[in-house]
PDB file of N, CA and C in Angstrom:
ATOM      1  N   UNK A   1     122.045  94.159  97.068  1.00  0.00           N
ATOM      2  CA  UNK A   1     121.068  93.304  96.470  1.00  0.00           C
ATOM      3  C   UNK A   1     119.693  93.770  96.752  1.00  0.00           C
ATOM      4  N   UNK A   2     118.839  93.947  95.843  1.00  0.00           N
ATOM      5  CA  UNK A   2     117.457  94.433  95.938  1.00  0.00           C
ATOM      6  C   UNK A   2     116.511  93.325  96.327  1.00  0.00           C
ATOM      7  N   UNK A   3     115.626  93.656  97.209  1.00  0.00           N
ATOM      8  CA  UNK A   3     114.575  92.667  97.620  1.00  0.00           C
ATOM      9  C   UNK A   3     113.295  92.963  96.901  1.00  0.00           C
ATOM     10  N   UNK A   4     113.270  94.015  96.021  1.00  0.00           N
ATOM     11  CA  UNK A   4     112.091  94.353  95.290  1.00  0.00           C
ATOM     12  C   UNK A   4     111.752  93.201  94.318  1.00  0.00           C
ATOM     13  N   UNK A   5     110.461  92.784  94.289  1.00  0.00           N
ATOM     14  CA  UNK A   5     110.099  91.750  93.272  1.00  0.00           C
ATOM     15  C   UNK A   5     110.187  92.269  91.868  1.00  0.00           C
ATOM     16  N   UNK A   6     110.393  91.410  90.913  1.00  0.00           N
ATOM     17  CA  UNK A   6     110.394  91.823  89.548  1.00  0.00           C
ATOM     18  C   UNK A   6     109.071  92.369  89.155  1.00  0.00           C
ATOM     19  N   UNK A   7     109.108  93.392  88.327  1.00  0.00           N
ATOM     20  CA  UNK A   7     107.782  94.020  87.913  1.00  0.00           C
ATOM     21  C   UNK A   7     106.922  93.008  87.239  1.00  0.00           C
ATOM     22  N   UNK A   8     105.602  93.012  87.643  1.00  0.00           N
ATOM     23  CA  UNK A   8     104.689  92.059  87.024  1.00  0.00           C
ATOM     24  C   UNK A   8     104.422  92.517  85.604  1.00  0.00           C
ATOM     25  N   UNK A   9     104.272  91.547  84.682  1.00  0.00           N
ATOM     26  CA  UNK A   9     103.908  91.859  83.319  1.00  0.00           C
ATOM     27  C   UNK A   9     102.403  91.541  83.110  1.00  0.00           C
ATOM     28  N   UNK A  10     101.846  92.238  82.180  1.00  0.00           N
ATOM     29  CA  UNK A  10     100.453  92.091  81.922  1.00  0.00           C
ATOM     30  C   UNK A  10     100.258  92.050  80.389  1.00  0.00           C
ATOM     31  N   UNK A  11      99.103  91.545  79.965  1.00  0.00           N
ATOM     32  CA  UNK A  11      98.743  91.522  78.547  1.00  0.00           C
ATOM     33  C   UNK A  11      97.378  92.262  78.438  1.00  0.00           C
ATOM     34  N   UNK A  12      97.190  92.883  77.218  1.00  0.00           N
ATOM     35  CA  UNK A  12      95.893  93.528  76.982  1.00  0.00           C
ATOM     36  C   UNK A  12      94.956  92.415  76.404  1.00  0.00           C
ATOM     37  N   UNK A  13      93.791  92.376  76.914  1.00  0.00           N
ATOM     38  CA  UNK A  13      92.789  91.452  76.372  1.00  0.00           C
ATOM     39  C   UNK A  13      91.569  92.098  75.996  1.00  0.00           C
ATOM     40  N   UNK A  14      90.735  91.602  75.199  1.00  0.00           N
ATOM     41  CA  UNK A  14      89.403  92.102  74.690  1.00  0.00           C
ATOM     42  C   UNK A  14      88.481  91.009  74.494  1.00  0.00           C
ATOM     43  N   UNK A  15      87.226  91.342  74.623  1.00  0.00           N
ATOM     44  CA  UNK A  15      86.169  90.323  74.394  1.00  0.00           C
ATOM     45  C   UNK A  15      85.433  90.534  73.053  1.00  0.00           C
ATOM     46  N   UNK A  16      84.470  89.707  72.762  1.00  0.00           N
ATOM     47  CA  UNK A  16      83.800  89.918  71.501  1.00  0.00           C
ATOM     48  C   UNK A  16      83.011  91.202  71.321  1.00  0.00           C
ATOM     49  N   UNK A  17      82.747  91.868  72.453  1.00  0.00           N
ATOM     50  CA  UNK A  17      82.059  93.145  72.450  1.00  0.00           C
ATOM     51  C   UNK A  17      83.071  94.303  72.298  1.00  0.00           C
ATOM     52  N   UNK A  18      84.396  93.935  72.084  1.00  0.00           N
ATOM     53  CA  UNK A  18      85.501  94.811  71.943  1.00  0.00           C
ATOM     54  C   UNK A  18      85.682  95.732  73.165  1.00  0.00           C
ATOM     55  N   UNK A  19      85.456  95.184  74.324  1.00  0.00           N
ATOM     56  CA  UNK A  19      85.758  95.742  75.633  1.00  0.00           C
ATOM     57  C   UNK A  19      87.116  95.303  76.081  1.00  0.00           C
ATOM     58  N   UNK A  20      87.952  96.235  76.595  1.00  0.00           N
ATOM     59  CA  UNK A  20      89.307  95.829  76.830  1.00  0.00           C
ATOM     60  C   UNK A  20      89.638  95.755  78.375  1.00  0.00           C
ATOM     61  N   UNK A  21      90.665  95.082  78.710  1.00  0.00           N
ATOM     62  CA  UNK A  21      91.119  94.968  80.111  1.00  0.00           C
ATOM     63  C   UNK A  21      92.546  94.515  80.108  1.00  0.00           C
ATOM     64  N   UNK A  22      93.107  94.459  81.252  1.00  0.00           N
ATOM     65  CA  UNK A  22      94.526  93.958  81.436  1.00  0.00           C
ATOM     66  C   UNK A  22      94.448  92.652  82.141  1.00  0.00           C
ATOM     67  N   UNK A  23      95.417  91.729  81.915  1.00  0.00           N
ATOM     68  CA  UNK A  23      95.414  90.467  82.582  1.00  0.00           C
ATOM     69  C   UNK A  23      96.860  90.069  82.831  1.00  0.00           C
ATOM     70  N   UNK A  24      97.054  89.464  84.062  1.00  0.00           N
ATOM     71  CA  UNK A  24      98.527  89.027  84.322  1.00  0.00           C
ATOM     72  C   UNK A  24      99.081  88.102  83.325  1.00  0.00           C
ATOM     73  N   UNK A  25     100.232  88.451  82.767  1.00  0.00           N
ATOM     74  CA  UNK A  25     100.880  87.605  81.745  1.00  0.00           C
ATOM     75  C   UNK A  25     101.237  86.244  82.406  1.00  0.00           C
ATOM     76  N   UNK A  26     101.105  85.186  81.662  1.00  0.00           N
ATOM     77  CA  UNK A  26     101.433  83.904  82.198  1.00  0.00           C
ATOM     78  C   UNK A  26     100.234  83.142  82.726  1.00  0.00           C
ATOM     79  N   UNK A  27      99.126  83.836  83.012  1.00  0.00           N
ATOM     80  CA  UNK A  27      97.847  83.141  83.433  1.00  0.00           C
ATOM     81  C   UNK A  27      97.028  82.919  82.257  1.00  0.00           C
ATOM     82  N   UNK A  28      96.214  81.850  82.241  1.00  0.00           N
ATOM     83  CA  UNK A  28      95.362  81.568  81.160  1.00  0.00           C
ATOM     84  C   UNK A  28      94.335  82.733  81.075  1.00  0.00           C
ATOM     85  N   UNK A  29      94.058  83.146  79.812  1.00  0.00           N
ATOM     86  CA  UNK A  29      93.030  84.231  79.610  1.00  0.00           C
ATOM     87  C   UNK A  29      91.685  83.622  79.776  1.00  0.00           C
ATOM     88  N   UNK A  30      90.760  84.291  80.550  1.00  0.00           N
ATOM     89  CA  UNK A  30      89.472  83.685  80.805  1.00  0.00           C
ATOM     90  C   UNK A  30      88.670  83.380  79.439  1.00  0.00           C
ATOM     91  N   UNK A  31      87.750  82.468  79.546  1.00  0.00           N
ATOM     92  CA  UNK A  31      86.952  82.178  78.345  1.00  0.00           C
ATOM     93  C   UNK A  31      86.208  83.435  77.893  1.00  0.00           C
ATOM     94  N   UNK A  32      86.113  83.628  76.595  1.00  0.00           N
ATOM     95  CA  UNK A  32      85.470  84.751  76.002  1.00  0.00           C
ATOM     96  C   UNK A  32      86.387  86.014  75.871  1.00  0.00           C
ATOM     97  N   UNK A  33      87.678  85.925  76.306  1.00  0.00           N
ATOM     98  CA  UNK A  33      88.609  87.035  76.156  1.00  0.00           C
ATOM     99  C   UNK A  33      89.790  86.554  75.298  1.00  0.00           C
ATOM    100  N   UNK A  34      90.369  87.529  74.597  1.00  0.00           N
ATOM    101  CA  UNK A  34      91.431  87.264  73.573  1.00  0.00           C
ATOM    102  C   UNK A  34      92.493  88.223  73.831  1.00  0.00           C
ATOM    103  N   UNK A  35      93.771  87.838  73.710  1.00  0.00           N
ATOM    104  CA  UNK A  35      94.894  88.800  73.771  1.00  0.00           C
ATOM    105  C   UNK A  35      94.876  89.655  72.473  1.00  0.00           C
ATOM    106  N   UNK A  36      95.332  90.957  72.667  1.00  0.00           N
ATOM    107  CA  UNK A  36      95.466  91.749  71.400  1.00  0.00           C
ATOM    108  C   UNK A  36      96.880  91.909  71.021  1.00  0.00           C
ATOM    109  N   UNK A  37      97.830  91.227  71.720  1.00  0.00           N
ATOM    110  CA  UNK A  37      99.262  91.290  71.300  1.00  0.00           C
ATOM    111  C   UNK A  37     100.111  92.247  72.027  1.00  0.00           C
ATOM    112  N   UNK A  38      99.503  93.096  72.876  1.00  0.00           N
ATOM    113  CA  UNK A  38     100.334  94.069  73.667  1.00  0.00           C
ATOM    114  C   UNK A  38     100.558  93.520  74.988  1.00  0.00           C
ATOM    115  N   UNK A  39     101.954  93.597  75.489  1.00  0.00           N
ATOM    116  CA  UNK A  39     102.381  93.185  76.751  1.00  0.00           C
ATOM    117  C   UNK A  39     103.204  94.249  77.346  1.00  0.00           C
ATOM    118  N   UNK A  40     103.132  94.473  78.641  1.00  0.00           N
ATOM    119  CA  UNK A  40     103.967  95.451  79.279  1.00  0.00           C
ATOM    120  C   UNK A  40     103.611  95.489  80.786  1.00  0.00           C
ATOM    121  N   UNK A  41     104.029  96.589  81.431  1.00  0.00           N
ATOM    122  CA  UNK A  41     103.575  96.789  82.798  1.00  0.00           C
ATOM    123  C   UNK A  41     102.134  97.076  82.802  1.00  0.00           C
ATOM    124  N   UNK A  42     101.557  97.074  83.954  1.00  0.00           N
ATOM    125  CA  UNK A  42     100.069  97.389  84.020  1.00  0.00           C
ATOM    126  C   UNK A  42      99.832  98.814  83.481  1.00  0.00           C
ATOM    127  N   UNK A  43     100.738  99.732  83.864  1.00  0.00           N
ATOM    128  CA  UNK A  43     100.488 101.125  83.376  1.00  0.00           C
ATOM    129  C   UNK A  43     100.691 101.211  81.918  1.00  0.00           C
ATOM    130  N   UNK A  44     101.684 100.579  81.328  1.00  0.00           N
ATOM    131  CA  UNK A  44     101.764 100.552  79.850  1.00  0.00           C
ATOM    132  C   UNK A  44     100.622  99.989  79.170  1.00  0.00           C
ATOM    133  N   UNK A  45     100.095  98.853  79.737  1.00  0.00           N
ATOM    134  CA  UNK A  45      98.885  98.268  79.153  1.00  0.00           C
ATOM    135  C   UNK A  45      97.707  99.152  79.227  1.00  0.00           C
ATOM    136  N   UNK A  46      97.536  99.849  80.380  1.00  0.00           N
ATOM    137  CA  UNK A  46      96.418 100.806  80.537  1.00  0.00           C
ATOM    138  C   UNK A  46      96.520 101.977  79.524  1.00  0.00           C
ATOM    139  N   UNK A  47      97.721 102.394  79.353  1.00  0.00           N
ATOM    140  CA  UNK A  47      97.965 103.490  78.274  1.00  0.00           C
ATOM    141  C   UNK A  47      97.612 102.998  76.915  1.00  0.00           C
ATOM    142  N   UNK A  48      97.946 101.707  76.576  1.00  0.00           N
ATOM    143  CA  UNK A  48      97.590 101.137  75.309  1.00  0.00           C
ATOM    144  C   UNK A  48      96.062 101.045  75.120  1.00  0.00           C
ATOM    145  N   UNK A  49      95.441 100.604  76.185  1.00  0.00           N
ATOM    146  CA  UNK A  49      93.930 100.457  76.210  1.00  0.00           C
ATOM    147  C   UNK A  49      93.310 101.854  75.879  1.00  0.00           C
ATOM    148  N   UNK A  50      93.819 102.914  76.532  1.00  0.00           N
ATOM    149  CA  UNK A  50      93.256 104.206  76.427  1.00  0.00           C
ATOM    150  C   UNK A  50      93.437 104.791  74.903  1.00  0.00           C
ATOM    151  N   UNK A  51      94.425 104.243  74.287  1.00  0.00           N
ATOM    152  CA  UNK A  51      94.712 104.598  72.858  1.00  0.00           C
ATOM    153  C   UNK A  51      93.718 103.854  71.944  1.00  0.00           C
ATOM    154  N   UNK A  52      93.469 102.546  72.223  1.00  0.00           N
ATOM    155  CA  UNK A  52      92.728 101.811  71.273  1.00  0.00           C
ATOM    156  C   UNK A  52      91.219 101.677  71.564  1.00  0.00           C
ATOM    157  N   UNK A  53      90.940 101.818  72.795  1.00  0.00           N
ATOM    158  CA  UNK A  53      89.453 101.688  73.197  1.00  0.00           C
ATOM    159  C   UNK A  53      88.860 103.114  73.296  1.00  0.00           C
ATOM    160  N   UNK A  54      88.501 103.703  72.135  1.00  0.00           N
ATOM    161  CA  UNK A  54      88.077 105.073  72.189  1.00  0.00           C
ATOM    162  C   UNK A  54      86.593 105.281  72.249  1.00  0.00           C
ATOM    163  N   UNK A  55      85.824 104.121  72.006  1.00  0.00           N
ATOM    164  CA  UNK A  55      84.399 104.222  72.083  1.00  0.00           C
ATOM    165  C   UNK A  55      83.977 103.143  73.075  1.00  0.00           C
ATOM    166  N   UNK A  56      83.552 103.502  74.287  1.00  0.00           N
ATOM    167  CA  UNK A  56      83.355 102.560  75.334  1.00  0.00           C
ATOM    168  C   UNK A  56      82.008 101.722  75.225  1.00  0.00           C
ATOM    169  N   UNK A  57      81.271 102.103  74.172  1.00  0.00           N
ATOM    170  CA  UNK A  57      80.036 101.379  74.012  1.00  0.00           C
ATOM    171  C   UNK A  57      80.310  99.883  73.529  1.00  0.00           C
ATOM    172  N   UNK A  58      79.591  98.902  73.972  1.00  0.00           N
ATOM    173  CA  UNK A  58      79.773  97.537  73.427  1.00  0.00           C
ATOM    174  C   UNK A  58      79.554  97.502  71.928  1.00  0.00           C
ATOM    175  N   UNK A  59      80.247  96.646  71.237  1.00  0.00           N
ATOM    176  CA  UNK A  59      80.177  96.555  69.755  1.00  0.00           C
ATOM    177  C   UNK A  59      78.744  96.389  69.306  1.00  0.00           C
ATOM    178  N   UNK A  60      77.953  95.509  69.873  1.00  0.00           N
ATOM    179  CA  UNK A  60      76.556  95.391  69.425  1.00  0.00           C
ATOM    180  C   UNK A  60      75.741  96.775  69.501  1.00  0.00           C
ATOM    181  N   UNK A  61      75.999  97.529  70.508  1.00  0.00           N
ATOM    182  CA  UNK A  61      75.353  98.793  70.559  1.00  0.00           C
ATOM    183  C   UNK A  61      75.829  99.767  69.482  1.00  0.00           C
ATOM    184  N   UNK A  62      77.202  99.806  69.299  1.00  0.00           N
ATOM    185  CA  UNK A  62      77.706 100.654  68.195  1.00  0.00           C
ATOM    186  C   UNK A  62      77.197 100.169  66.861  1.00  0.00           C
ATOM    187  N   UNK A  63      77.085  98.843  66.633  1.00  0.00           N
ATOM    188  CA  UNK A  63      76.564  98.364  65.340  1.00  0.00           C
ATOM    189  C   UNK A  63      75.065  98.782  65.170  1.00  0.00           C
ATOM    190  N   UNK A  64      74.340  98.758  66.286  1.00  0.00           N
ATOM    191  CA  UNK A  64      72.907  99.196  66.169  1.00  0.00           C
ATOM    192  C   UNK A  64      72.751 100.686  65.863  1.00  0.00           C
ATOM    193  N   UNK A  65      73.693 101.379  66.341  1.00  0.00           N
ATOM    194  CA  UNK A  65      73.659 102.877  66.145  1.00  0.00           C
ATOM    195  C   UNK A  65      74.336 103.291  64.808  1.00  0.00           C
ATOM    196  N   UNK A  66      74.863 102.323  64.052  1.00  0.00           N
ATOM    197  CA  UNK A  66      75.466 102.585  62.811  1.00  0.00           C
ATOM    198  C   UNK A  66      76.863 103.229  63.004  1.00  0.00           C
ATOM    199  N   UNK A  67      77.444 102.984  64.185  1.00  0.00           N
ATOM    200  CA  UNK A  67      78.730 103.466  64.518  1.00  0.00           C
ATOM    201  C   UNK A  67      78.769 104.991  64.404  1.00  0.00           C
TER     202      UNK A  67
END
C-alpha cells in the first residue's frame, strides 16, 4: 500500500491581459482570472502555458504596438 498522496491537479487560468498561470483544481479561481479549459498535473499545465503564451507582453501593450 502506497502512502504517496494522489497527484495534485491544476487548471490553466488567464486574465484579461492574456497572462497565464496555473491554479489548483477545485479551488475557486481568483477574481479577474478565467480557466482556459486545460487541466492536468502542474508540469502538464506549465507545458500547455508555454505552448499558448508565446508573447509575454500584456494584451494592452500588444494592442498598442499593433501586435
